[in-house]
Protein backbone atom coordinates (compact mmCIF):
# COMPACT_ATOMS: atom_id res chain seq x y z
CA MET A 1 42.87 -51.31 -7.75
CA LYS A 2 40.10 -52.37 -10.03
CA ILE A 3 39.70 -51.35 -13.63
CA LEU A 4 36.15 -50.45 -14.38
CA ARG A 5 36.46 -49.20 -17.83
CA GLU A 6 39.40 -48.42 -20.10
CA ASN A 7 40.61 -45.15 -18.33
CA LEU A 8 38.69 -45.22 -14.93
CA VAL A 9 40.47 -46.78 -11.97
CA LEU A 10 39.01 -47.09 -8.51
CA ASN A 11 40.95 -46.23 -5.50
CA PRO A 12 40.01 -48.94 -3.18
CA SER A 13 40.52 -46.96 0.04
CA LYS A 14 38.14 -44.22 -0.98
CA GLY A 15 36.01 -45.86 -3.65
CA ARG A 16 36.41 -42.85 -5.89
CA CYS A 17 37.89 -42.36 -9.26
CA ILE A 18 41.75 -41.45 -9.14
CA PHE A 19 41.32 -39.23 -12.15
CA CYS A 20 38.70 -37.04 -10.46
CA THR A 21 39.82 -33.28 -10.66
CA VAL A 22 38.03 -31.91 -7.62
CA PRO A 23 39.09 -33.24 -4.18
CA ASP A 24 36.43 -33.78 -1.45
CA ARG A 25 37.40 -30.69 0.61
CA LYS A 26 36.90 -28.46 -2.51
CA ARG A 27 33.64 -30.10 -3.24
CA ARG A 28 32.53 -29.70 0.37
CA THR A 29 33.57 -26.04 0.48
CA SER A 30 31.68 -25.48 -2.87
CA LEU A 31 28.56 -26.96 -1.52
CA TYR A 32 28.90 -24.89 1.61
CA LEU A 33 29.26 -21.69 -0.55
CA VAL A 34 26.13 -22.66 -2.59
CA MET A 35 24.10 -23.34 0.59
CA LEU A 36 25.25 -20.00 2.00
CA LEU A 37 24.09 -18.20 -1.15
CA ILE A 38 20.90 -19.93 -1.15
CA GLY A 39 20.40 -19.04 2.44
CA LEU A 40 21.15 -15.40 1.80
CA PHE A 41 18.84 -15.50 -1.14
CA TRP A 42 15.93 -16.68 0.99
CA GLY A 43 16.82 -14.44 3.80
CA THR A 44 16.54 -11.59 1.49
CA LEU A 45 13.29 -12.69 0.14
CA VAL A 46 11.95 -12.94 3.77
CA VAL A 47 13.13 -9.61 4.74
CA GLN A 48 11.75 -7.99 1.55
CA GLY A 49 8.43 -9.87 2.04
CA VAL A 50 7.96 -8.63 5.69
CA SER A 51 8.87 -5.06 4.43
CA LEU A 52 6.38 -5.32 1.49
CA ARG A 53 3.63 -6.52 3.96
CA ALA A 54 4.15 -3.71 6.28
CA ASN A 55 4.12 -1.35 3.50
CA CYS A 56 0.94 -2.79 2.13
CA LYS A 57 -0.72 -2.35 5.55
CA LYS A 58 0.23 1.24 5.71
CA LEU A 59 -1.12 1.79 2.20
CA ALA A 60 -4.39 0.08 3.14
CA ALA A 61 -4.83 2.29 6.15
CA GLN A 62 -4.04 5.30 4.12
CA GLN A 63 -6.49 4.20 1.37
CA THR A 64 -9.24 3.80 4.07
CA GLU A 65 -8.51 7.15 5.50
CA LEU A 66 -8.70 8.80 2.01
CA GLN A 67 -12.00 7.06 1.10
CA GLN A 68 -13.48 8.51 4.23
CA LYS A 69 -12.36 11.98 3.30
CA LYS A 70 -13.65 11.45 -0.28
CA LYS A 71 -17.05 10.62 1.33
CA GLU A 72 -16.87 13.79 3.52
CA LEU A 73 -16.05 15.86 0.57
CA LYS A 74 -18.88 14.44 -1.65
CA LYS A 75 -21.24 15.41 1.33
CA GLU A 76 -19.74 18.91 1.46
CA LYS A 77 -19.98 19.33 -2.20
CA LYS A 78 -23.69 18.36 -2.10
CA GLN A 79 -24.33 20.95 0.57
CA ILE A 80 -22.61 23.63 -1.42
CA GLN A 81 -24.53 22.69 -4.59
CA GLU A 82 -27.88 22.89 -2.38
CA LYS A 83 -26.77 26.28 -1.10
CA LYS A 84 -26.01 27.39 -4.58
CA ASP A 85 -29.38 26.42 -6.03
CA TYR A 86 -31.14 28.03 -2.99
CA MET A 87 -29.14 31.21 -3.60
CA GLU A 88 -30.47 31.33 -7.26
CA THR A 89 -34.07 31.28 -6.03
CA ASP A 90 -36.37 34.30 -5.39
CA GLU A 91 -36.95 32.94 -1.79
CA TYR A 92 -33.18 33.55 -1.00
CA ILE A 93 -33.41 37.10 -2.35
CA GLU A 94 -36.49 37.87 -0.35
CA ASP A 95 -35.01 36.46 2.91
CA LEU A 96 -31.74 38.40 2.43
CA ALA A 97 -33.87 41.73 1.71
CA ARG A 98 -35.59 41.09 4.99
CA GLU A 99 -32.55 40.26 7.03
CA LYS A 100 -30.03 42.69 5.70
CA PHE A 101 -32.23 45.67 4.74
CA GLY A 102 -35.23 45.15 6.89
CA LEU A 103 -37.56 45.22 3.80
CA VAL A 104 -41.22 44.05 4.07
CA TYR A 105 -44.20 43.85 1.80
CA ASN A 106 -46.76 46.66 1.89
CA ASN A 107 -49.39 44.65 3.79
CA GLU A 108 -47.19 43.23 6.45
CA ILE A 109 -46.94 44.61 9.99
CA ILE A 110 -43.54 44.71 11.72
CA PHE A 111 -43.38 44.04 15.54
CA LYS A 112 -40.26 45.25 17.47
CA ALA A 113 -39.52 44.33 21.00
CA LYS A 114 -38.75 47.02 23.51
CA GLU A 115 -35.20 46.99 24.82
């Protein structure tokens, strides 16, 4: 045995300190446990990443669908507004009176087809 410093003595067969408190087997087991935990951590990250990516694609498709629906609703709103504006005019009232009640101006001639 060699004396390196005052209290450290090397075991010539293994080249390790005699006073080391953790044997090789425990060190290896600890290393394996740490590696296993790191592996589990990375595995969890990968699974969560794949799940998030799938959810993101689903939400993107839903967003596209909602944007299309929004465009359609804007067109419908514009049509309704145009119809509302038309219904507030005298022309609409005149057309309605002609269609529903058969009213005409005094100087107009009505032609009816024979049945």
